[in-house]
Amino acid sequence: MTPIKLTESQTTILTQAAYRPDGDIEPLPPTLRGGARAKVIGGLTARGLIVEQDDKHVLTDDGYAAIGRCRPAHDPEPTESAALEADVAAAEATWQGTANEAKPPRTRENSKQARVVAMLKRAEGATIPQVMAATGWQAHTVRGTFAGAFKKKLGLNLISEKVQGGERVYRIG
């Protein structure tokens, strides 16, 4: 039999579920929300790796086999070690998810646009090369951002001054 190719999310979900006594895929990793959640569940269901049962999704025999495990024998009362194993598997999956996130999530406060606005609010203002260095943008992107996002969308009043023999300096006025 050809091994089934799984995404990282699918592997994490199946592995966590395999350690739960009932094979339930819930709770899913907190990073899997909205459309991504529906897509992963739909993909696993379409491949016959999970089925909906009693208003929850549980692993099938194929789901266990996809990650190299066998369905556990039915144990009416899960042992303490089984519950501990499920908790450990869930914690490890959470740690794996956070290890891949090296940089903090982007928010309005730490976006490139916010950095540029802060540079333009300084008394000395900012030049296009300074903004390019701070953001990694090209010059035409900086000029477009000044005209589109800052002037038109945000309604900021940008003042442009060119010092004799120097570069053009932009400030928020």
C-alpha atoms as a PDB file:
ATOM      1  CA  MET A   1       0.000   0.000   0.000  1.00  0.00           C
ATOM      2  CA  THR A   2       1.295   3.458  -0.912  1.00  0.00           C
ATOM      3  CA  PRO A   3       1.802   5.686   2.131  1.00  0.00           C
ATOM      4  CA  ILE A   4      -0.662   8.555   2.376  1.00  0.00           C
ATOM      5  CA  LYS A   5       0.889  12.016   2.067  1.00  0.00           C
ATOM      6  CA  LEU A   6      -0.337  14.268   4.841  1.00  0.00           C
ATOM      7  CA  THR A   7       0.185  17.945   5.512  1.00  0.00           C
ATOM      8  CA  GLU A   8       1.785  19.018   8.769  1.00  0.00           C
ATOM      9  CA  SER A   9      -1.625  20.089  10.116  1.00  0.00           C
ATOM     10  CA  GLN A  10      -3.235  16.788   9.143  1.00  0.00           C
ATOM     11  CA  THR A  11      -0.423  14.797  10.768  1.00  0.00           C
ATOM     12  CA  THR A  12      -0.707  16.821  13.984  1.00  0.00           C
ATOM     13  CA  ILE A  13      -4.484  16.381  14.150  1.00  0.00           C
ATOM     14  CA  LEU A  14      -4.357  12.629  13.487  1.00  0.00           C
ATOM     15  CA  THR A  15      -1.525  12.088  15.974  1.00  0.00           C
ATOM     16  CA  GLN A  16      -3.321  13.987  18.733  1.00  0.00           C
ATOM     17  CA  ALA A  17      -6.557  12.106  18.052  1.00  0.00           C
ATOM     18  CA  ALA A  18      -4.771   8.742  18.066  1.00  0.00           C
ATOM     19  CA  TYR A  19      -3.726   9.319  21.683  1.00  0.00           C
ATOM     20  CA  ARG A  20      -7.247  10.165  22.795  1.00  0.00           C
ATOM     21  CA  PRO A  21      -9.275   7.185  23.997  1.00  0.00           C
ATOM     22  CA  ASP A  22     -12.227   7.970  21.706  1.00  0.00           C
ATOM     23  CA  GLY A  23     -10.131   9.070  18.695  1.00  0.00           C
ATOM     24  CA  ASP A  24     -11.797  12.517  18.673  1.00  0.00           C
ATOM     25  CA  ILE A  25      -9.905  15.160  16.679  1.00  0.00           C
ATOM     26  CA  GLU A  26     -11.059  17.959  19.008  1.00  0.00           C
ATOM     27  CA  PRO A  27      -9.586  20.118  20.347  1.00  0.00           C
ATOM     28  CA  LEU A  28      -7.783  21.187  17.198  1.00  0.00           C
ATOM     29  CA  PRO A  29      -4.568  23.235  17.385  1.00  0.00           C
ATOM     30  CA  PRO A  30      -5.361  26.874  18.240  1.00  0.00           C
ATOM     31  CA  THR A  31      -3.555  28.061  15.103  1.00  0.00           C
ATOM     32  CA  LEU A  32      -6.098  26.257  12.894  1.00  0.00           C
ATOM     33  CA  ARG A  33      -9.133  28.506  12.516  1.00  0.00           C
ATOM     34  CA  GLY A  34     -11.824  29.450  10.025  1.00  0.00           C
ATOM     35  CA  GLY A  35     -11.427  28.305   6.452  1.00  0.00           C
ATOM     36  CA  ALA A  36      -8.197  26.414   7.157  1.00  0.00           C
ATOM     37  CA  ARG A  37      -9.975  24.383   9.825  1.00  0.00           C
ATOM     38  CA  ALA A  38     -12.835  23.507   7.464  1.00  0.00           C
ATOM     39  CA  LYS A  39     -10.416  22.626   4.663  1.00  0.00           C
ATOM     40  CA  VAL A  40      -8.337  20.272   6.834  1.00  0.00           C
ATOM     41  CA  ILE A  41     -11.431  18.532   8.247  1.00  0.00           C
ATOM     42  CA  GLY A  42     -12.931  18.269   4.753  1.00  0.00           C
ATOM     43  CA  GLY A  43      -9.709  16.796   3.380  1.00  0.00           C
ATOM     44  CA  LEU A  44      -9.442  14.206   6.142  1.00  0.00           C
ATOM     45  CA  THR A  45     -13.116  13.270   5.737  1.00  0.00           C
ATOM     46  CA  ALA A  46     -12.849  12.976   1.940  1.00  0.00           C
ATOM     47  CA  ARG A  47      -9.879  10.624   2.276  1.00  0.00           C
ATOM     48  CA  GLY A  48     -11.751   8.461   4.786  1.00  0.00           C
ATOM     49  CA  LEU A  49      -9.326   9.188   7.623  1.00  0.00           C
ATOM     50  CA  ILE A  50     -12.019  10.635   9.901  1.00  0.00           C
ATOM     51  CA  VAL A  51     -15.792  10.288  10.093  1.00  0.00           C
ATOM     52  CA  GLU A  52     -18.484  12.305  11.824  1.00  0.00           C
ATOM     53  CA  GLN A  53     -19.945  10.361  14.712  1.00  0.00           C
ATOM     54  CA  ASP A  54     -22.195  11.686  17.489  1.00  0.00           C
ATOM     55  CA  ASP A  55     -21.567  15.332  16.449  1.00  0.00           C
ATOM     56  CA  LYS A  56     -17.788  14.945  16.543  1.00  0.00           C
ATOM     57  CA  HIS A  57     -15.106  13.808  14.136  1.00  0.00           C
ATOM     58  CA  VAL A  58     -13.229  10.620  15.066  1.00  0.00           C
ATOM     59  CA  LEU A  59     -10.442   8.613  13.461  1.00  0.00           C
ATOM     60  CA  THR A  60     -11.191   5.658  11.243  1.00  0.00           C
ATOM     61  CA  ASP A  61      -8.979   2.576  10.986  1.00  0.00           C
ATOM     62  CA  ASP A  62      -7.420   4.200   7.904  1.00  0.00           C
ATOM     63  CA  GLY A  63      -6.781   7.337   9.965  1.00  0.00           C
ATOM     64  CA  TYR A  64      -4.846   5.352  12.554  1.00  0.00           C
ATOM     65  CA  ALA A  65      -2.963   3.492   9.799  1.00  0.00           C
ATOM     66  CA  ALA A  66      -2.007   6.780   8.082  1.00  0.00           C
ATOM     67  CA  ILE A  67       0.162   7.680  11.075  1.00  0.00           C
ATOM     68  CA  GLY A  68       1.375   4.133  11.706  1.00  0.00           C
ATOM     69  CA  ARG A  69      -0.850   3.293  14.654  1.00  0.00           C
ATOM     70  CA  CYS A  70      -3.562   0.765  15.345  1.00  0.00           C
ATOM     71  CA  ARG A  71      -6.952   1.530  16.820  1.00  0.00           C
ATOM     72  CA  PRO A  72      -6.712   0.930  20.573  1.00  0.00           C
ATOM     73  CA  ALA A  73      -8.786  -1.853  22.079  1.00  0.00           C
ATOM     74  CA  HIS A  74     -12.007  -0.485  23.557  1.00  0.00           C
ATOM     75  CA  ASP A  75     -11.410   0.349  27.198  1.00  0.00           C
ATOM     76  CA  PRO A  76     -14.626   1.475  28.894  1.00  0.00           C
ATOM     77  CA  GLU A  77     -12.719   3.544  31.438  1.00  0.00           C
ATOM     78  CA  PRO A  78      -9.546   5.181  30.188  1.00  0.00           C
ATOM     79  CA  THR A  79      -6.608   4.541  32.427  1.00  0.00           C
ATOM     80  CA  GLU A  80      -4.706   7.338  34.007  1.00  0.00           C
ATOM     81  CA  SER A  81      -1.720   6.605  31.770  1.00  0.00           C
ATOM     82  CA  ALA A  82      -3.884   6.848  28.627  1.00  0.00           C
ATOM     83  CA  ALA A  83      -5.186  10.226  29.749  1.00  0.00           C
ATOM     84  CA  LEU A  84      -1.635  11.323  30.538  1.00  0.00           C
ATOM     85  CA  GLU A  85      -0.461  10.186  27.086  1.00  0.00           C
ATOM     86  CA  ALA A  86      -3.260  12.192  25.457  1.00  0.00           C
ATOM     87  CA  ASP A  87      -2.298  15.281  27.452  1.00  0.00           C
ATOM     88  CA  VAL A  88       1.375  14.867  26.545  1.00  0.00           C
ATOM     89  CA  ALA A  89       0.558  14.418  22.837  1.00  0.00           C
ATOM     90  CA  ALA A  90      -1.622  17.525  22.867  1.00  0.00           C
ATOM     91  CA  ALA A  91       1.074  19.547  24.636  1.00  0.00           C
ATOM     92  CA  GLU A  92       3.775  18.381  22.213  1.00  0.00           C
ATOM     93  CA  ALA A  93       1.631  19.343  19.238  1.00  0.00           C
ATOM     94  CA  THR A  94       1.130  22.786  20.758  1.00  0.00           C
ATOM     95  CA  TRP A  95       4.868  23.171  21.299  1.00  0.00           C
ATOM     96  CA  GLN A  96       5.590  22.121  17.725  1.00  0.00           C
ATOM     97  CA  GLY A  97       3.150  24.747  16.477  1.00  0.00           C
ATOM     98  CA  THR A  98       4.763  27.534  18.498  1.00  0.00           C
ATOM     99  CA  ALA A  99       8.318  26.473  17.609  1.00  0.00           C
ATOM    100  CA  ASN A 100       7.602  27.237  13.945  1.00  0.00           C
ATOM    101  CA  GLU A 101       6.534  30.783  14.783  1.00  0.00           C
ATOM    102  CA  ALA A 102       9.877  32.530  15.195  1.00  0.00           C
ATOM    103  CA  LYS A 103       8.598  36.084  14.856  1.00  0.00           C
ATOM    104  CA  PRO A 104       5.666  37.631  16.703  1.00  0.00           C
ATOM    105  CA  PRO A 105       2.388  37.958  14.831  1.00  0.00           C
ATOM    106  CA  ARG A 106       2.044  41.170  12.898  1.00  0.00           C
ATOM    107  CA  THR A 107      -0.306  43.690  14.445  1.00  0.00           C
ATOM    108  CA  ARG A 108      -1.151  47.243  13.537  1.00  0.00           C
ATOM    109  CA  GLU A 109       1.396  48.445  16.094  1.00  0.00           C
ATOM    110  CA  ASN A 110       4.354  46.532  14.642  1.00  0.00           C
ATOM    111  CA  SER A 111       3.521  46.691  10.930  1.00  0.00           C
ATOM    112  CA  LYS A 112       5.769  48.269   8.333  1.00  0.00           C
ATOM    113  CA  GLN A 113       3.204  50.999   7.818  1.00  0.00           C
ATOM    114  CA  ALA A 114       3.279  51.854  11.532  1.00  0.00           C
ATOM    115  CA  ARG A 115       7.089  52.019  11.459  1.00  0.00           C
ATOM    116  CA  VAL A 116       7.003  54.402   8.484  1.00  0.00           C
ATOM    117  CA  VAL A 117       4.406  56.635  10.167  1.00  0.00           C
ATOM    118  CA  ALA A 118       6.618  56.773  13.275  1.00  0.00           C
ATOM    119  CA  MET A 119       9.598  57.745  11.113  1.00  0.00           C
ATOM    120  CA  LEU A 120       7.573  60.505   9.432  1.00  0.00           C
ATOM    121  CA  LYS A 121       6.443  61.869  12.814  1.00  0.00           C
ATOM    122  CA  ARG A 122      10.030  62.435  13.930  1.00  0.00           C
ATOM    123  CA  ALA A 123      11.268  66.035  13.936  1.00  0.00           C
ATOM    124  CA  GLU A 124      13.910  65.190  11.325  1.00  0.00           C
ATOM    125  CA  GLY A 125      11.369  63.292   9.173  1.00  0.00           C
ATOM    126  CA  ALA A 126      12.519  60.545   6.824  1.00  0.00           C
ATOM    127  CA  THR A 127      13.983  60.205   3.373  1.00  0.00           C
ATOM    128  CA  ILE A 128      12.935  57.614   0.812  1.00  0.00           C
ATOM    129  CA  PRO A 129      16.229  55.675   1.247  1.00  0.00           C
ATOM    130  CA  GLN A 130      15.671  55.571   5.038  1.00  0.00           C
ATOM    131  CA  VAL A 131      12.142  54.195   4.583  1.00  0.00           C
ATOM    132  CA  MET A 132      13.464  51.686   2.028  1.00  0.00           C
ATOM    133  CA  ALA A 133      16.068  50.468   4.546  1.00  0.00           C
ATOM    134  CA  ALA A 134      13.505  50.183   7.348  1.00  0.00           C
ATOM    135  CA  THR A 135      10.897  48.293   5.319  1.00  0.00           C
ATOM    136  CA  GLY A 136      12.719  46.507   2.519  1.00  0.00           C
ATOM    137  CA  TRP A 137      10.447  48.249   0.001  1.00  0.00           C
ATOM    138  CA  GLN A 138      11.594  49.662  -3.322  1.00  0.00           C
ATOM    139  CA  ALA A 139      11.483  53.409  -3.965  1.00  0.00           C
ATOM    140  CA  HIS A 140       8.330  53.280  -6.092  1.00  0.00           C
ATOM    141  CA  THR A 141       6.538  51.353  -3.318  1.00  0.00           C
ATOM    142  CA  VAL A 142       7.501  54.008  -0.765  1.00  0.00           C
ATOM    143  CA  ARG A 143       6.234  56.811  -3.008  1.00  0.00           C
ATOM    144  CA  GLY A 144       3.041  54.887  -3.747  1.00  0.00           C
ATOM    145  CA  THR A 145       2.447  54.292  -0.046  1.00  0.00           C
ATOM    146  CA  PHE A 146       2.925  57.989   0.660  1.00  0.00           C
ATOM    147  CA  ALA A 147       0.383  58.961  -2.002  1.00  0.00           C
ATOM    148  CA  GLY A 148      -2.131  56.119  -1.617  1.00  0.00           C
ATOM    149  CA  ALA A 149      -2.174  54.811   1.926  1.00  0.00           C
ATOM    150  CA  PHE A 150      -1.030  57.856   3.826  1.00  0.00           C
ATOM    151  CA  LYS A 151      -2.564  60.758   1.885  1.00  0.00           C
ATOM    152  CA  LYS A 152      -5.694  59.213   0.395  1.00  0.00           C
ATOM    153  CA  LYS A 153      -6.691  56.442   2.825  1.00  0.00           C
ATOM    154  CA  LEU A 154      -5.367  57.733   6.148  1.00  0.00           C
ATOM    155  CA  GLY A 155      -5.763  61.421   5.292  1.00  0.00           C
ATOM    156  CA  LEU A 156      -2.304  62.331   6.582  1.00  0.00           C
ATOM    157  CA  ASN A 157      -0.798  65.655   5.511  1.00  0.00           C
ATOM    158  CA  LEU A 158       2.689  64.853   4.205  1.00  0.00           C
ATOM    159  CA  ILE A 159       5.119  67.712   3.896  1.00  0.00           C
ATOM    160  CA  SER A 160       8.023  67.355   1.491  1.00  0.00           C
ATOM    161  CA  GLU A 161      11.137  69.512   1.704  1.00  0.00           C
ATOM    162  CA  LYS A 162      14.282  69.388  -0.346  1.00  0.00           C
ATOM    163  CA  VAL A 163      17.354  70.846   1.284  1.00  0.00           C
ATOM    164  CA  GLN A 164      19.825  72.451  -1.149  1.00  0.00           C
ATOM    165  CA  GLY A 165      22.326  69.759  -2.145  1.00  0.00           C
ATOM    166  CA  GLY A 166      20.574  67.149   0.014  1.00  0.00           C
ATOM    167  CA  GLU A 167      17.815  64.590  -0.254  1.00  0.00           C
ATOM    168  CA  ARG A 168      14.095  65.216  -0.115  1.00  0.00           C
ATOM    169  CA  VAL A 169      12.777  64.820   3.443  1.00  0.00           C
ATOM    170  CA  TYR A 170       9.160  63.842   4.217  1.00  0.00           C
ATOM    171  CA  ARG A 171       7.284  64.670   7.428  1.00  0.00           C
ATOM    172  CA  ILE A 172       3.755  64.402   8.702  1.00  0.00           C
ATOM    173  CA  GLY A 173       2.525  67.970   9.137  1.00  0.00           C
END
